[in-house]
Amino acid sequence: MLVRAHPVDPGHDHAPAAAPSAERRALWIALVLTAGFAVVEVAGGWWAGSLALLSDAGHMVTDVAALAIALFAQHLAQRPPSQRASYGYARAEVLAAFINALIMLAVVIGIAVEATRRLLSPAPVAGGIVIAVAAVGLAVNVLSAWLLSRGRSLNSRAAMVHVVSDLAGSVAALVAGAVIVATGWMPIDPLLSLFVAVLILRSTWLLLKAATPILMEGVPLHLSYDEIGRALTRLPGVAAVHDLHVWHMTSERAALSAHLLIRDAAEWPDTLVAAQRLLAERFGIDHVTLQPAWRSPVPGKRVIPVTPVSADDKPSMH
């Protein structure tokens, strides 16, 4: 008998909660600001001959794509479950974050290649123009970062990584312009571009590190597989736990399935309710599928045996 258990909430379903309108509005404003300034920065970078500005402009173009992907994924994530997508589409936001991280890696490679070429063959840069354009870009990125900082989803975090790394690019371009105006030392422009590339690479790595376990359906980092298994074995009537799986459904929601070896079939309804309450209240897992078993598991399965506990420590089924 396979039983899907949910917290005691008759209104529970699998449809994702509506995305906050404030988060959508922040993404739209950041998209418009970034797209508008990207055009300005491309023109300014070409006029000034600055790689720092052009690399930052190229990064801002990827920001526009990233924000557009984030908005589309957020819209898609609100669609209810269907016959072809029984879990719904909430993981679209995680997939968008992963795609954005890959785009960032391409940007880093492009900046590094061009910076190396500029170091080997320095080109003149109009420092004054660089300072003026970078200052405006810094203001735009600060505003966009502030708007996006209130978002909680991994998708918003991905967009935020783009904008913050672009903010670092504006600062680098500003410093490069100031050094060129003050000293005329041209290598500062590609050197600071490489510095920005390293910052972008670090942020991208953190984003990939967060998104990959979700796409791979790994155990959420804030949960312990063994601790969950031991907690289930402490339920009255449970002889062992096997085929335990814990994974991400979305960046903020976990799911669990397991086989519980029980001693008495008559106790299963109470055991199910106790397991449901335990997983919801202690671990925050609200999507649970449990199957009772009366026979020992097939050899080769990972079995979590019962952990001896005192009578006072055993959870109640009522």
Foldseek 3Di string as FASTA:
>chain_A
DKDWDFAPDVVDDLADDQDDPLLLVLLVLLLVLLVVLLVVLCVLCVVFVFLLSNLLSVLSVLLNVLSVQLNVLSVQSRDGADPVRNNGRVQSLLVSLLVSLVVLLVSLVVLLVVLVVCVVPPDGGQLVSLQVSLVVLLVSLVSSLVSLVPDDFLSSVSSNLSSVLSNQSSVQSNVQSVCCVVPVDRNSRSVSSNVSSVSSNVSSVVSCVLSVQQVVFHADPVDDPLVLQQLLLLAPFFFKKWPWGKGHPGSPAIEIEIETAGDDPVCVVLSSQQSNCCCCPPPVHGTYMYHYDPDDDDPPIDMGGHDDDDPVPRDDSD
